[in-house]
Amino acid sequence: MSTDKNRATAAAILPLVGGPHNITSIAHCMTRLRIGLRDRSLVQEEALKAVPAVMGVVEDDTYQIVLGPGTVARVTPEFEALVEEGRSAPPAPAPAGAGAPAAPGDRPVTADGLAAQGAALKEARKAKNSTPFKLFLRRIADIFVPLIPALIGCGVIAGLNGVLTNAGWLPGIVPALAAIASGFMSLIAVFVGYNTAKEFGGTAILGGAVAAVIVFPGVAKITAFGLELKPGQGGVLGALAAALLAVHVEKWCRRWVPETLDVLVTPTLTVLVTGLVTLFGLMFLAGGASTAIGTFANWLLATGGAFAGLVLGGLFLPLVMLGLHQALIPIHTTLIEQSGYTVLLPILAMAGAGQVGAAVAVYVKLPRNGSLRATIKSALPAGFLGVGEPLIYGVSLPLGRPFVTACVGGAAGGAFVGLFHQLGVAFGSTAIGPSGWALFPLLDGGPGMGTTLAIYAGGLAVGYLVGFAATSFFGFTRQMLTDLNTDPDPADPAPPSGPAQEPGEPREPAMA
């Protein structure tokens, strides 16, 4: 995508989210532009969804615009530049009627109508999800999300290095690739500490400093309670705990240390106190927790792989809807740090396969609904690459039953992959973030690349087929087919005949 096109996309988005003076923060993750808004009523959501590069929107603690991998990293700096330029001008008045919610009966059963239902469902869930625990999980996720691009890059290089090593090709370049792939992982604890302190209101560099203690080679000379420390013991969990402690120590110092001594005393006490607690306590505790996580994950798949895969693959989409999937990010990172890959991600990725299969079935079952079929056609390529938000929020979730049958497809794919773990063929992903077909370059494990790729591809195929079949046979009631298998005249906003849908009727998700 050219720079001009990226800037055009940013320029199209900006006025639809209230203009530069309505923006309070800008960030991006793998697929989404995340913006803070002063007034969400200024967002023109339907027009925003109509922007060609926009795959969907997600309302959470930030307003998230799904642009897809690669695109979002290019559009974000252009968007930031336009916001800075626009802030030098006075704020423009809000367009008349912008952000005004539509009346319940205003929409035909089209893609836009379903998207509106999906937005209403998201808003209801958002109120339920704003608990202290879930808000804490979001903050933990915000610590790790910025690390994902480096994890992906290093993971792909590690996979390439493995192929060259096994094939005996280019032996002179293999050590260089190993260094490039492993350098970031050897210091990931420092980045986690830095981001943790920044996220929780401390001085970021002090969080990185106390986390650096964990990876310092000299800790091997330290003995505590008759036990020897090892460099890296505790990993990212230890870094997370150490940086959180550093934030509390620093804030205590800011309250009690005289201002004239603050610049010397506060950083010194923060690093000293936290460093000692980390060396003589947190590294041992976090090391035990990390080992337990790795042992349990491997035991779970080795002993109950098919059933465990069925449960994990089937419940991942509801976990995403509830916001609880964010708790898995530190677990994935810990597994990658321990064994080089996370065995959980290929199984969880099957949820996306079930979602794609369900969407294809909706496309086939509703041949007359051109609006919804157009949405599915535009969102499917992203769905195959693991970007599921457009299909979830624009198709399956507002329809209800197809969301449940998508979970059935994910469960079947997860059971397929889990079965091979139970048979001793263990593998995983060397990075987190990508899913679907985008996960192929990141797969690694004991059975060899060919076998690993074949099992993962088989799991995707099972997820697609079962998601398609389950949706075809159980995804619609007769009334739903009657209501949905039409393409109302866009010029006629009258809703379909019949009573307005209430929560609990067929199109309301069972997981609400």
Protein backbone atom coordinates (compact mmCIF):
# COMPACT_ATOMS: atom_id res chain seq x y z
CA MET A 1 0.00 0.00 0.00
CA SER A 2 1.45 3.34 -1.03
CA THR A 3 2.02 6.21 1.36
CA ASP A 4 -0.65 8.25 -0.45
CA LYS A 5 -3.19 5.48 0.08
CA ASN A 6 -2.30 5.18 3.77
CA ARG A 7 -2.70 8.93 4.21
CA ALA A 8 -6.00 8.85 2.32
CA THR A 9 -7.27 6.13 4.65
CA ALA A 10 -6.21 8.14 7.71
CA ALA A 11 -7.81 11.27 6.24
CA ALA A 12 -11.05 9.39 5.64
CA ILE A 13 -11.15 8.03 9.20
CA LEU A 14 -10.31 11.21 11.11
CA PRO A 15 -13.48 13.28 10.49
CA LEU A 16 -15.64 10.22 11.11
CA VAL A 17 -14.32 9.87 14.67
CA GLY A 18 -14.99 13.50 15.58
CA GLY A 19 -11.88 15.18 14.19
CA PRO A 20 -8.48 15.85 15.76
CA HIS A 21 -9.85 17.67 18.80
CA ASN A 22 -11.86 14.59 19.77
CA ILE A 23 -8.76 12.36 19.94
CA THR A 24 -7.09 11.83 23.33
CA SER A 25 -4.72 8.95 22.53
CA ILE A 26 -3.50 6.95 19.54
CA ALA A 27 -1.95 3.48 19.50
CA HIS A 28 -2.13 0.31 17.44
CA CYS A 29 -1.77 -3.43 17.94
CA MET A 30 -1.48 -6.19 15.33
CA THR A 31 -4.71 -5.39 13.51
CA ARG A 32 -6.43 -2.40 15.15
CA LEU A 33 -5.99 1.36 15.34
CA ARG A 34 -6.84 2.14 18.99
CA ILE A 35 -7.93 5.69 19.74
CA GLY A 36 -9.14 7.43 22.88
CA LEU A 37 -12.13 9.69 22.32
CA ARG A 38 -13.46 12.64 24.31
CA ASP A 39 -17.00 12.21 23.00
CA ARG A 40 -18.01 8.93 21.40
CA SER A 41 -21.31 10.36 20.23
CA LEU A 42 -19.36 12.22 17.51
CA VAL A 43 -18.37 8.94 15.84
CA GLN A 44 -20.18 8.29 12.56
CA GLU A 45 -19.93 4.53 12.80
CA GLU A 46 -21.82 3.47 9.69
CA ALA A 47 -19.81 5.84 7.50
CA LEU A 48 -16.62 4.64 9.20
CA LYS A 49 -17.41 1.02 8.37
CA ALA A 50 -17.93 2.04 4.76
CA VAL A 51 -14.31 3.24 4.41
CA PRO A 52 -12.70 0.67 2.07
CA ALA A 53 -9.74 -0.15 4.34
CA VAL A 54 -11.88 -0.52 7.49
CA MET A 55 -12.79 -4.14 8.27
CA GLY A 56 -14.84 -3.38 11.37
CA VAL A 57 -14.90 -1.52 14.66
CA VAL A 58 -14.73 -2.67 18.28
CA GLU A 59 -15.81 -0.56 21.24
CA ASP A 60 -13.82 -1.17 24.41
CA ASP A 61 -11.91 1.05 26.80
CA THR A 62 -10.51 2.54 23.57
CA TYR A 63 -12.30 2.83 20.22
CA GLN A 64 -10.71 0.22 17.95
CA ILE A 65 -10.80 0.35 14.15
CA VAL A 66 -9.86 -2.95 12.51
CA LEU A 67 -7.53 -2.33 9.55
CA GLY A 68 -5.68 -5.65 9.39
CA PRO A 69 -2.03 -6.65 9.87
CA GLY A 70 0.49 -4.51 8.00
CA THR A 71 -2.05 -1.86 7.03
CA VAL A 72 -2.56 -0.64 10.59
CA ALA A 73 1.17 -0.09 11.13
CA ARG A 74 1.28 2.12 8.03
CA VAL A 75 -1.94 4.04 8.59
CA THR A 76 -1.29 4.86 12.28
CA PRO A 77 1.65 7.28 11.76
CA GLU A 78 -0.29 9.03 9.00
CA PHE A 79 -3.28 9.32 11.34
CA GLU A 80 -1.05 10.71 14.11
CA ALA A 81 0.40 13.29 11.72
CA LEU A 82 -3.06 14.41 10.61
CA VAL A 83 -4.22 14.75 14.21
CA GLU A 84 -1.21 16.93 15.05
CA GLU A 85 -1.84 19.10 11.99
CA GLY A 86 -5.53 19.41 12.77
CA ARG A 87 -5.03 20.44 16.39
CA SER A 88 -3.55 23.74 15.24
CA ALA A 89 -6.98 24.64 13.83
CA PRO A 90 -10.14 25.32 15.90
CA PRO A 91 -12.47 22.33 16.33
CA ALA A 92 -15.15 21.99 13.68
CA PRO A 93 -18.78 21.75 14.80
CA ALA A 94 -20.17 18.25 15.00
CA PRO A 95 -22.26 17.18 12.01
CA ALA A 96 -25.97 17.36 12.63
CA GLY A 97 -27.23 14.08 13.96
CA ALA A 98 -23.78 12.55 14.26
CA GLY A 99 -23.70 9.82 16.79
CA ALA A 100 -27.45 9.84 17.30
CA PRO A 101 -28.57 6.28 17.86
CA ALA A 102 -31.01 4.88 15.38
CA ALA A 103 -34.40 3.80 16.52
CA PRO A 104 -34.74 0.04 16.99
CA GLY A 105 -36.99 -0.43 13.99
CA ASP A 106 -35.08 1.79 11.54
CA ARG A 107 -32.90 -0.89 9.90
CA PRO A 108 -33.62 -3.60 7.34
CA VAL A 109 -32.08 -7.04 7.81
CA THR A 110 -28.92 -6.28 5.86
CA ALA A 111 -25.23 -6.24 6.68
CA ASP A 112 -25.62 -2.76 8.15
CA GLY A 113 -28.58 -3.89 10.22
CA LEU A 114 -26.67 -6.86 11.60
CA ALA A 115 -23.66 -4.67 12.28
CA ALA A 116 -25.88 -2.36 14.30
CA GLN A 117 -27.15 -5.32 16.30
CA GLY A 118 -23.56 -6.42 16.85
CA ALA A 119 -22.63 -2.95 18.08
CA ALA A 120 -25.55 -3.00 20.52
CA LEU A 121 -24.47 -6.40 21.83
CA LYS A 122 -20.89 -5.17 22.23
CA GLU A 123 -22.06 -2.14 24.16
CA ALA A 124 -24.10 -4.31 26.53
CA ARG A 125 -21.13 -6.60 27.07
CA LYS A 126 -18.83 -3.65 27.61
CA ALA A 127 -20.88 -2.57 30.63
CA LYS A 128 -20.65 -6.09 32.04
CA ASN A 129 -16.94 -6.37 31.26
CA SER A 130 -15.88 -3.17 33.04
CA THR A 131 -15.09 -5.00 36.27
CA PRO A 132 -11.83 -4.31 38.16
CA PHE A 133 -10.53 -7.79 37.31
CA LYS A 134 -11.19 -7.46 33.57
CA LEU A 135 -9.81 -3.93 33.49
CA PHE A 136 -6.67 -5.29 35.15
CA LEU A 137 -6.42 -8.00 32.48
CA ARG A 138 -6.66 -5.33 29.78
CA ARG A 139 -3.76 -3.46 31.35
CA ILE A 140 -1.72 -6.67 31.47
CA ALA A 141 -2.52 -7.23 27.79
CA ASP A 142 -1.41 -3.67 27.00
CA ILE A 143 2.00 -4.54 28.45
CA PHE A 144 2.54 -7.42 26.05
CA VAL A 145 0.77 -6.22 22.87
CA PRO A 146 3.61 -3.80 21.90
CA LEU A 147 6.03 -6.75 22.04
CA ILE A 148 4.13 -8.83 19.49
CA PRO A 149 5.82 -7.43 16.32
CA ALA A 150 9.26 -8.36 17.69
CA LEU A 151 8.00 -11.79 18.75
CA ILE A 152 6.67 -12.39 15.26
CA GLY A 153 9.81 -11.20 13.50
CA CYS A 154 12.12 -13.21 15.73
CA GLY A 155 9.79 -16.22 15.52
CA VAL A 156 9.84 -16.27 11.73
CA ILE A 157 13.64 -15.93 11.71
CA ALA A 158 13.91 -18.78 14.24
CA GLY A 159 11.73 -20.94 11.98
CA LEU A 160 13.86 -20.10 8.95
CA ASN A 161 16.99 -20.89 10.92
CA GLY A 162 15.53 -24.26 11.90
CA VAL A 163 14.82 -25.11 8.25
CA LEU A 164 18.38 -24.17 7.22
CA THR A 165 19.85 -26.16 10.10
CA ASN A 166 17.84 -29.31 9.34
CA ALA A 167 18.61 -29.07 5.63
CA GLY A 168 22.31 -28.35 6.18
CA TRP A 169 22.12 -25.24 3.99
CA LEU A 170 24.15 -22.06 4.44
CA PRO A 171 26.00 -23.18 7.58
CA GLY A 172 27.84 -19.87 7.74
CA ILE A 173 24.64 -17.86 8.17
CA VAL A 174 22.96 -20.14 10.74
CA PRO A 175 24.77 -18.73 13.83
CA ALA A 176 23.94 -15.17 12.73
CA LEU A 177 20.25 -16.02 12.34
CA ALA A 178 20.28 -17.75 15.73
CA ALA A 179 21.69 -14.61 17.35
CA ILE A 180 19.11 -12.38 15.65
CA ALA A 181 16.23 -14.66 16.62
CA SER A 182 17.36 -15.18 20.22
CA GLY A 183 18.59 -11.71 21.16
CA PHE A 184 15.17 -10.25 21.82
CA MET A 185 13.96 -13.29 23.76
CA SER A 186 17.02 -13.17 26.00
CA LEU A 187 16.05 -9.63 27.06
CA ILE A 188 12.27 -9.81 26.85
CA ALA A 189 12.02 -9.51 30.63
CA VAL A 190 13.53 -6.01 30.41
CA PHE A 191 10.92 -4.89 27.88
CA VAL A 192 8.13 -6.36 30.00
CA GLY A 193 9.43 -4.48 33.05
CA TYR A 194 9.66 -1.23 31.09
CA ASN A 195 6.10 -1.52 29.71
CA THR A 196 4.69 -2.59 33.09
CA ALA A 197 6.00 0.46 34.90
CA LYS A 198 4.79 2.70 32.09
CA GLU A 199 1.31 1.14 32.11
CA PHE A 200 0.85 1.38 35.89
CA GLY A 201 2.04 4.95 36.29
CA GLY A 202 5.68 4.54 37.27
CA THR A 203 8.92 5.60 35.59
CA ALA A 204 9.31 3.19 32.67
CA ILE A 205 13.10 3.02 32.76
CA LEU A 206 13.09 2.06 36.46
CA GLY A 207 10.78 -0.83 35.64
CA GLY A 208 13.24 -1.94 32.98
CA ALA A 209 16.15 -1.55 35.39
CA VAL A 210 14.70 -3.84 38.07
CA ALA A 211 13.64 -6.39 35.44
CA ALA A 212 17.20 -6.40 34.05
CA VAL A 213 18.33 -7.94 37.33
CA ILE A 214 16.52 -11.14 36.32
CA VAL A 215 18.52 -11.66 33.11
CA PHE A 216 21.90 -10.46 34.45
CA PRO A 217 24.41 -13.38 34.18
CA GLY A 218 25.96 -12.49 37.56
CA VAL A 219 22.89 -13.71 39.47
CA ALA A 220 24.33 -17.22 39.10
CA LYS A 221 26.76 -16.31 41.92
CA ILE A 222 23.90 -15.58 44.35
CA THR A 223 22.63 -18.24 46.74
CA ALA A 224 19.50 -17.79 48.83
CA PHE A 225 17.87 -20.30 51.19
CA GLY A 226 20.41 -22.89 50.07
CA LEU A 227 19.34 -22.52 46.43
CA GLU A 228 21.29 -21.05 43.54
CA LEU A 229 19.72 -18.54 41.21
CA LYS A 230 19.87 -18.93 37.45
CA PRO A 231 19.90 -16.05 34.96
CA GLY A 232 16.42 -15.60 33.57
CA GLN A 233 14.74 -17.48 36.41
CA GLY A 234 11.16 -16.29 36.70
CA GLY A 235 11.21 -14.78 33.21
CA VAL A 236 8.42 -12.45 32.18
CA LEU A 237 6.32 -13.25 35.25
CA GLY A 238 9.19 -12.22 37.52
CA ALA A 239 9.71 -9.06 35.46
CA LEU A 240 6.03 -8.23 35.69
CA ALA A 241 6.00 -8.66 39.47
CA ALA A 242 9.27 -6.77 39.95
CA ALA A 243 8.10 -3.78 37.90
CA LEU A 244 4.75 -3.66 39.72
CA LEU A 245 6.62 -3.60 43.02
CA ALA A 246 8.94 -0.87 41.68
CA VAL A 247 5.91 1.28 40.80
CA HIS A 248 4.59 1.01 44.37
CA VAL A 249 8.01 1.74 45.91
CA GLU A 250 8.50 4.72 43.61
CA LYS A 251 5.07 6.16 44.42
CA TRP A 252 5.74 5.74 48.15
CA CYS A 253 9.04 7.59 47.74
CA ARG A 254 7.37 10.42 45.82
CA ARG A 255 5.02 10.96 48.76
CA TRP A 256 7.61 10.90 51.57
CA VAL A 257 10.99 11.91 50.15
CA PRO A 258 11.67 15.69 50.25
CA GLU A 259 11.58 17.33 46.87
CA THR A 260 15.20 18.44 47.09
CA LEU A 261 16.36 14.82 47.52
CA ASP A 262 13.86 13.19 45.20
CA VAL A 263 16.10 13.02 42.13
CA LEU A 264 18.72 11.02 44.07
CA VAL A 265 16.80 9.09 46.71
CA THR A 266 13.68 7.93 44.82
CA PRO A 267 15.38 6.06 41.93
CA THR A 268 18.03 4.65 44.28
CA LEU A 269 15.53 3.27 46.77
CA THR A 270 13.25 2.01 44.01
CA VAL A 271 16.00 0.00 42.32
CA LEU A 272 17.64 -1.16 45.58
CA VAL A 273 14.53 -2.29 47.46
CA THR A 274 12.88 -3.85 44.43
CA GLY A 275 16.13 -5.46 43.29
CA LEU A 276 16.71 -7.14 46.66
CA VAL A 277 13.12 -8.40 46.87
CA THR A 278 13.42 -9.68 43.30
CA LEU A 279 16.67 -11.55 43.94
CA PHE A 280 15.69 -13.08 47.27
CA GLY A 281 11.99 -13.68 46.66
CA LEU A 282 10.32 -12.90 43.35
CA MET A 283 12.74 -14.83 41.15
CA PHE A 284 12.14 -18.00 43.16
CA LEU A 285 8.36 -17.56 43.26
CA ALA A 286 8.01 -16.55 39.62
CA GLY A 287 10.39 -19.32 38.57
CA GLY A 288 8.20 -21.88 40.30
CA ALA A 289 5.07 -20.41 38.71
CA SER A 290 6.64 -20.42 35.23
CA THR A 291 7.72 -24.04 35.59
CA ALA A 292 4.25 -25.01 36.80
CA ILE A 293 2.61 -23.31 33.80
CA GLY A 294 4.85 -25.16 31.34
CA THR A 295 4.43 -28.49 33.11
CA PHE A 296 0.65 -28.15 33.32
CA ALA A 297 0.22 -27.14 29.66
CA ASN A 298 2.28 -30.07 28.44
CA TRP A 299 0.57 -32.49 30.85
CA LEU A 300 -2.87 -31.26 29.85
CA LEU A 301 -2.30 -31.91 26.15
CA ALA A 302 -0.31 -35.11 26.67
CA THR A 303 -2.98 -36.77 28.82
CA GLY A 304 -6.26 -35.27 27.62
CA GLY A 305 -5.25 -33.70 24.34
CA ALA A 306 -8.39 -34.33 22.30
CA PHE A 307 -10.77 -33.27 25.08
CA ALA A 308 -8.57 -30.36 26.14
CA GLY A 309 -8.34 -29.19 22.53
CA LEU A 310 -12.11 -29.46 22.16
CA VAL A 311 -12.69 -27.29 25.25
CA LEU A 312 -10.00 -24.73 24.39
CA GLY A 313 -10.98 -24.42 20.74
CA GLY A 314 -14.69 -24.28 21.54
CA LEU A 315 -14.52 -21.70 24.31
CA PHE A 316 -11.99 -19.29 22.83
CA LEU A 317 -14.53 -17.11 20.96
CA PRO A 318 -16.66 -16.67 24.12
CA LEU A 319 -13.46 -15.86 26.04
CA VAL A 320 -12.73 -13.16 23.50
CA MET A 321 -16.25 -11.78 23.90
CA LEU A 322 -15.82 -11.68 27.68
CA GLY A 323 -12.33 -10.15 27.48
CA LEU A 324 -10.80 -13.07 29.42
CA HIS A 325 -8.52 -14.16 26.57
CA GLN A 326 -6.14 -11.39 27.64
CA ALA A 327 -5.12 -13.50 30.64
CA LEU A 328 -3.52 -15.96 28.20
CA ILE A 329 -0.96 -13.49 26.83
CA PRO A 330 1.54 -13.83 29.74
CA ILE A 331 1.01 -17.60 29.63
CA HIS A 332 1.84 -17.76 25.91
CA THR A 333 4.91 -15.60 26.47
CA THR A 334 6.07 -17.77 29.37
CA LEU A 335 5.73 -20.94 27.28
CA ILE A 336 7.67 -19.36 24.40
CA GLU A 337 10.37 -18.27 26.83
CA GLN A 338 10.65 -21.79 28.28
CA SER A 339 10.45 -24.09 25.26
CA GLY A 340 10.64 -21.78 22.25
CA TYR A 341 6.95 -22.07 21.37
CA THR A 342 3.47 -22.01 22.90
CA VAL A 343 1.54 -25.24 22.46
CA LEU A 344 -1.77 -23.47 23.16
CA LEU A 345 -1.94 -21.01 20.25
CA PRO A 346 -2.38 -23.50 17.35
CA ILE A 347 -5.33 -25.02 19.23
CA LEU A 348 -6.91 -21.65 20.05
CA ALA A 349 -6.46 -20.63 16.40
CA MET A 350 -9.01 -23.28 15.48
CA ALA A 351 -11.74 -20.95 16.80
CA GLY A 352 -11.02 -18.70 13.84
CA ALA A 353 -11.37 -21.66 11.47
CA GLY A 354 -14.80 -22.45 12.88
CA GLN A 355 -15.73 -18.78 12.42
CA VAL A 356 -14.70 -18.86 8.74
CA GLY A 357 -16.65 -22.09 8.12
CA ALA A 358 -19.72 -20.59 9.75
CA ALA A 359 -19.45 -17.43 7.64
CA VAL A 360 -19.21 -19.45 4.41
CA ALA A 361 -22.34 -21.35 5.44
CA VAL A 362 -24.19 -18.07 6.05
CA TYR A 363 -23.11 -16.95 2.59
CA VAL A 364 -24.48 -20.15 1.02
CA LYS A 365 -27.73 -20.22 3.02
CA LEU A 366 -28.69 -16.63 2.21
CA PRO A 367 -28.31 -16.33 -1.59
CA ARG A 368 -30.74 -13.39 -1.82
CA ASN A 369 -29.19 -11.19 0.87
CA GLY A 370 -26.69 -9.36 -1.30
CA SER A 371 -25.75 -6.89 1.43
CA LEU A 372 -24.73 -9.53 3.95
CA ARG A 373 -23.00 -11.66 1.31
CA ALA A 374 -20.94 -8.63 0.25
CA THR A 375 -19.83 -8.15 3.85
CA ILE A 376 -18.82 -11.80 4.11
CA LYS A 377 -16.92 -11.70 0.80
CA SER A 378 -14.92 -8.67 1.90
CA ALA A 379 -14.19 -10.09 5.37
CA LEU A 380 -13.31 -13.68 4.44
CA PRO A 381 -9.73 -13.00 3.20
CA ALA A 382 -8.93 -11.38 6.54
CA GLY A 383 -10.68 -14.27 8.31
CA PHE A 384 -8.45 -16.83 6.59
CA LEU A 385 -5.45 -14.83 7.84
CA GLY A 386 -6.76 -14.92 11.41
CA VAL A 387 -8.40 -11.48 11.62
CA GLY A 388 -11.84 -12.49 12.84
CA GLU A 389 -13.41 -9.27 14.14
CA PRO A 390 -15.28 -8.32 10.92
CA LEU A 391 -16.92 -11.75 10.75
CA ILE A 392 -17.65 -11.94 14.47
CA TYR A 393 -19.14 -8.48 14.94
CA GLY A 394 -20.63 -8.09 11.49
CA VAL A 395 -22.03 -11.58 10.90
CA SER A 396 -22.04 -14.38 13.45
CA LEU A 397 -22.51 -12.58 16.77
CA PRO A 398 -25.57 -10.51 15.79
CA LEU A 399 -27.08 -13.58 14.08
CA GLY A 400 -26.63 -15.56 17.30
CA ARG A 401 -26.88 -19.19 16.25
CA PRO A 402 -23.98 -19.00 13.76
CA PHE A 403 -21.80 -17.71 16.61
CA VAL A 404 -22.54 -20.90 18.56
CA THR A 405 -21.99 -23.15 15.55
CA ALA A 406 -18.70 -21.32 14.86
CA CYS A 407 -17.66 -22.36 18.36
CA VAL A 408 -18.58 -25.97 17.47
CA GLY A 409 -16.25 -25.78 14.47
CA GLY A 410 -13.48 -24.38 16.64
CA ALA A 411 -14.01 -27.20 19.14
CA ALA A 412 -13.70 -29.83 16.40
CA GLY A 413 -10.49 -28.31 15.02
CA GLY A 414 -9.06 -27.99 18.53
CA ALA A 415 -9.87 -31.64 19.27
CA PHE A 416 -8.08 -32.68 16.05
CA VAL A 417 -4.88 -30.82 16.93
CA GLY A 418 -5.10 -31.86 20.59
CA LEU A 419 -5.37 -35.52 19.63
CA PHE A 420 -1.95 -35.41 17.98
CA HIS A 421 -0.46 -33.85 21.12
CA GLN A 422 -1.95 -36.76 23.04
CA LEU A 423 -0.26 -39.13 20.58
CA GLY A 424 3.09 -37.48 21.30
CA VAL A 425 3.30 -35.13 18.31
CA ALA A 426 3.75 -31.82 20.16
CA PHE A 427 4.28 -28.49 18.43
CA GLY A 428 3.42 -24.84 18.88
CA SER A 429 3.84 -21.26 17.70
CA THR A 430 7.08 -19.35 18.19
CA ALA A 431 5.16 -16.07 18.55
CA ILE A 432 1.75 -14.74 19.51
CA GLY A 433 -0.54 -12.51 17.51
CA PRO A 434 -1.06 -14.18 14.10
CA SER A 435 -3.62 -16.90 13.55
CA GLY A 436 -5.17 -18.77 10.64
CA TRP A 437 -2.92 -19.12 7.61
CA ALA A 438 -0.61 -16.43 8.98
CA LEU A 439 0.49 -18.88 11.70
CA PHE A 440 2.13 -21.34 9.28
CA PRO A 441 5.56 -19.59 9.21
CA LEU A 442 5.65 -19.54 13.03
CA LEU A 443 5.02 -23.24 13.70
CA ASP A 444 7.76 -25.30 15.34
CA GLY A 445 8.04 -28.52 17.29
CA GLY A 446 9.49 -32.00 17.64
CA PRO A 447 7.87 -33.95 14.78
CA GLY A 448 9.51 -31.97 11.97
CA MET A 449 8.23 -29.13 9.84
CA GLY A 450 6.34 -31.25 7.31
CA THR A 451 4.36 -33.14 9.95
CA THR A 452 3.72 -29.98 11.96
CA LEU A 453 2.36 -28.09 8.96
CA ALA A 454 0.20 -31.05 7.92
CA ILE A 455 -1.41 -31.40 11.37
CA TYR A 456 -2.12 -27.69 11.66
CA ALA A 457 -3.56 -27.60 8.12
CA GLY A 458 -5.70 -30.63 8.99
CA GLY A 459 -7.02 -28.85 12.07
CA LEU A 460 -7.95 -25.80 10.01
CA ALA A 461 -9.73 -28.01 7.47
CA VAL A 462 -11.70 -29.75 10.23
CA GLY A 463 -12.64 -26.37 11.75
CA TYR A 464 -13.79 -25.02 8.38
CA LEU A 465 -15.83 -28.12 7.52
CA VAL A 466 -17.48 -28.62 10.91
CA GLY A 467 -18.20 -24.88 11.27
CA PHE A 468 -19.79 -24.94 7.82
CA ALA A 469 -21.82 -28.11 8.45
CA ALA A 470 -22.98 -27.10 11.93
CA THR A 471 -24.12 -23.71 10.67
CA SER A 472 -25.80 -25.17 7.61
CA PHE A 473 -27.88 -27.61 9.67
CA PHE A 474 -28.33 -25.82 12.98
CA GLY A 475 -27.44 -22.16 12.38
CA PHE A 476 -30.88 -20.92 11.35
CA THR A 477 -34.49 -21.34 12.33
CA ARG A 478 -37.11 -21.24 9.58
CA GLN A 479 -38.16 -17.78 10.70
CA MET A 480 -34.56 -16.55 10.52
CA LEU A 481 -34.24 -17.83 6.95
CA THR A 482 -37.51 -16.12 6.02
CA ASP A 483 -36.38 -12.81 7.53
CA LEU A 484 -32.79 -12.88 6.34
CA ASN A 485 -32.96 -14.44 2.88
CA THR A 486 -34.09 -11.19 1.25
CA ASP A 487 -32.32 -8.11 0.00
CA PRO A 488 -34.49 -5.11 0.93
CA ASP A 489 -34.38 -2.11 -1.33
CA PRO A 490 -31.72 0.21 0.18
CA ALA A 491 -34.02 3.14 -0.59
CA ASP A 492 -36.71 1.62 1.63
CA PRO A 493 -35.59 1.71 5.28
CA ALA A 494 -38.69 -0.10 6.47
CA PRO A 495 -37.82 -3.12 8.60
CA PRO A 496 -39.13 -6.61 7.80
CA SER A 497 -42.65 -7.37 8.89
CA GLY A 498 -43.14 -8.96 12.25
CA PRO A 499 -42.47 -7.96 15.82
CA ALA A 500 -39.20 -6.31 16.76
CA GLN A 501 -36.60 -8.76 17.97
CA GLU A 502 -36.16 -8.96 21.69
CA PRO A 503 -33.24 -10.43 23.63
CA GLY A 504 -33.57 -14.19 23.82
CA GLU A 505 -35.09 -14.63 20.32
CA PRO A 506 -33.22 -16.74 17.73
CA ARG A 507 -30.74 -14.08 16.57
CA GLU A 508 -29.53 -13.31 20.08
CA PRO A 509 -26.32 -15.25 20.86
CA ALA A 510 -26.62 -18.03 23.39
CA MET A 511 -23.37 -16.84 24.96
CA ALA A 512 -24.71 -13.37 25.80
